[in-house]
C-alpha atoms as a PDB file:
ATOM      1  CA  UNK A   1     121.686  32.954  80.274  1.00  0.00           C
ATOM      2  CA  UNK A   2     122.395  36.393  78.987  1.00  0.00           C
ATOM      3  CA  UNK A   3     126.055  37.407  78.296  1.00  0.00           C
ATOM      4  CA  UNK A   4     127.131  40.788  76.697  1.00  0.00           C
ATOM      5  CA  UNK A   5     130.455  41.342  74.898  1.00  0.00           C
ATOM      6  CA  UNK A   6     131.868  44.846  75.467  1.00  0.00           C
ATOM      7  CA  UNK A   7     135.140  46.730  74.064  1.00  0.00           C
ATOM      8  CA  UNK A   8     136.592  49.978  75.110  1.00  0.00           C
ATOM      9  CA  UNK A   9     137.480  52.439  72.535  1.00  0.00           C
ATOM     10  CA  UNK A  10     138.945  55.880  72.605  1.00  0.00           C
ATOM     11  CA  UNK A  11     136.644  58.902  72.457  1.00  0.00           C
ATOM     12  CA  UNK A  12     138.209  62.683  71.426  1.00  0.00           C
ATOM     13  CA  UNK A  13     136.229  65.451  72.832  1.00  0.00           C
ATOM     14  CA  UNK A  14     137.012  69.201  72.616  1.00  0.00           C
ATOM     15  CA  UNK A  15     137.128  71.079  75.981  1.00  0.00           C
ATOM     16  CA  UNK A  16     137.616  74.835  76.741  1.00  0.00           C
ATOM     17  CA  UNK A  17     140.183  76.311  79.173  1.00  0.00           C
ATOM     18  CA  UNK A  18     139.033  79.599  80.565  1.00  0.00           C
ATOM     19  CA  UNK A  19     142.277  80.401  82.209  1.00  0.00           C
ATOM     20  CA  UNK A  20     144.054  80.100  79.002  1.00  0.00           C
ATOM     21  CA  UNK A  21     141.230  80.901  76.646  1.00  0.00           C
ATOM     22  CA  UNK A  22     141.932  78.068  74.439  1.00  0.00           C
ATOM     23  CA  UNK A  23     140.057  74.957  73.031  1.00  0.00           C
ATOM     24  CA  UNK A  24     142.197  71.708  73.576  1.00  0.00           C
ATOM     25  CA  UNK A  25     141.166  68.002  72.810  1.00  0.00           C
ATOM     26  CA  UNK A  26     140.993  65.405  75.492  1.00  0.00           C
ATOM     27  CA  UNK A  27     140.523  61.784  75.325  1.00  0.00           C
ATOM     28  CA  UNK A  28     138.790  59.072  77.566  1.00  0.00           C
ATOM     29  CA  UNK A  29     137.558  55.773  77.310  1.00  0.00           C
ATOM     30  CA  UNK A  30     134.132  54.807  76.307  1.00  0.00           C
ATOM     31  CA  UNK A  31     132.604  51.020  76.591  1.00  0.00           C
ATOM     32  CA  UNK A  32     130.799  49.618  73.597  1.00  0.00           C
ATOM     33  CA  UNK A  33     128.543  46.831  73.868  1.00  0.00           C
ATOM     34  CA  UNK A  34     129.100  44.913  70.427  1.00  0.00           C
ATOM     35  CA  UNK A  35     127.531  41.531  71.196  1.00  0.00           C
ATOM     36  CA  UNK A  36     124.785  39.955  73.172  1.00  0.00           C
ATOM     37  CA  UNK A  37     124.577  36.365  73.479  1.00  0.00           C
ATOM     38  CA  UNK A  38     121.291  34.473  74.807  1.00  0.00           C
ATOM     39  CA  UNK A  39     120.242  31.137  75.160  1.00  0.00           C
ATOM     40  CA  UNK A  40     121.426  27.916  76.796  1.00  0.00           C
ATOM     41  CA  UNK A  41     124.923  26.492  76.566  1.00  0.00           C
ATOM     42  CA  UNK A  42     126.699  23.587  78.612  1.00  0.00           C
ATOM     43  CA  UNK A  43     129.417  24.331  81.308  1.00  0.00           C
ATOM     44  CA  UNK A  44     132.227  24.116  78.899  1.00  0.00           C
ATOM     45  CA  UNK A  45     130.806  26.206  75.935  1.00  0.00           C
ATOM     46  CA  UNK A  46     129.742  29.043  78.727  1.00  0.00           C
ATOM     47  CA  UNK A  47     133.203  28.878  80.253  1.00  0.00           C
ATOM     48  CA  UNK A  48     134.827  29.383  76.666  1.00  0.00           C
ATOM     49  CA  UNK A  49     132.687  32.174  75.733  1.00  0.00           C
ATOM     50  CA  UNK A  50     133.166  33.969  79.117  1.00  0.00           C
ATOM     51  CA  UNK A  51     136.904  33.433  79.010  1.00  0.00           C
ATOM     52  CA  UNK A  52     136.861  34.597  74.772  1.00  0.00           C
ATOM     53  CA  UNK A  53     134.532  37.757  76.164  1.00  0.00           C
ATOM     54  CA  UNK A  54     136.884  38.629  78.903  1.00  0.00           C
ATOM     55  CA  UNK A  55     140.010  38.433  76.869  1.00  0.00           C
ATOM     56  CA  UNK A  56     138.645  40.665  74.186  1.00  0.00           C
ATOM     57  CA  UNK A  57     137.327  43.020  76.728  1.00  0.00           C
ATOM     58  CA  UNK A  58     140.661  43.068  78.489  1.00  0.00           C
ATOM     59  CA  UNK A  59     142.793  43.579  75.259  1.00  0.00           C
ATOM     60  CA  UNK A  60     140.497  46.436  73.797  1.00  0.00           C
ATOM     61  CA  UNK A  61     140.774  48.089  77.253  1.00  0.00           C
ATOM     62  CA  UNK A  62     144.786  47.887  77.406  1.00  0.00           C
ATOM     63  CA  UNK A  63     145.166  48.816  73.831  1.00  0.00           C
ATOM     64  CA  UNK A  64     142.703  51.483  74.047  1.00  0.00           C
ATOM     65  CA  UNK A  65     144.091  52.498  77.244  1.00  0.00           C
ATOM     66  CA  UNK A  66     147.458  53.082  75.865  1.00  0.00           C
ATOM     67  CA  UNK A  67     146.101  55.160  73.120  1.00  0.00           C
ATOM     68  CA  UNK A  68     144.351  57.409  75.376  1.00  0.00           C
ATOM     69  CA  UNK A  69     147.415  58.013  77.697  1.00  0.00           C
ATOM     70  CA  UNK A  70     149.560  58.759  74.602  1.00  0.00           C
ATOM     71  CA  UNK A  71     146.934  60.907  72.998  1.00  0.00           C
ATOM     72  CA  UNK A  72     146.245  62.875  76.207  1.00  0.00           C
ATOM     73  CA  UNK A  73     150.032  63.518  76.614  1.00  0.00           C
ATOM     74  CA  UNK A  74     150.067  65.060  73.141  1.00  0.00           C
ATOM     75  CA  UNK A  75     147.194  66.897  73.621  1.00  0.00           C
ATOM     76  CA  UNK A  76     148.403  68.150  76.798  1.00  0.00           C
ATOM     77  CA  UNK A  77     151.509  69.432  75.376  1.00  0.00           C
ATOM     78  CA  UNK A  78     149.492  71.131  72.511  1.00  0.00           C
ATOM     79  CA  UNK A  79     147.315  72.784  74.936  1.00  0.00           C
ATOM     80  CA  UNK A  80     150.548  74.200  76.764  1.00  0.00           C
ATOM     81  CA  UNK A  81     151.743  75.564  73.444  1.00  0.00           C
ATOM     82  CA  UNK A  82     148.277  77.185  72.799  1.00  0.00           C
ATOM     83  CA  UNK A  83     148.390  78.468  76.433  1.00  0.00           C
ATOM     84  CA  UNK A  84     151.661  80.160  76.118  1.00  0.00           C
ATOM     85  CA  UNK A  85     151.110  81.611  72.761  1.00  0.00           C
ATOM     86  CA  UNK A  86     147.661  83.100  73.887  1.00  0.00           C
ATOM     87  CA  UNK A  87     149.562  84.658  76.856  1.00  0.00           C
ATOM     88  CA  UNK A  88     152.257  86.289  74.258  1.00  0.00           C
ATOM     89  CA  UNK A  89     149.636  87.725  72.358  1.00  0.00           C
ATOM     90  CA  UNK A  90     147.470  89.343  75.016  1.00  0.00           C
END
């Protein structure tokens, strides 16, 4: 039996918007494998391990997803400000 433990972490990238002629940041969720469990286990131990891995993965997706949503909202406002400033100076 082979089990993999994954977590989700926020990742920030810089994107260029041709319309406004500005660079802005954008966040996304990236999965990362943190553990790989191989070997034999009895039914109860495997069930506990699967539940723990599922709980950690779900918790990381919820927390990191919230960070990504909040971060993208802030970056969107920042982009709008840069776009207006770019239009005023042009």
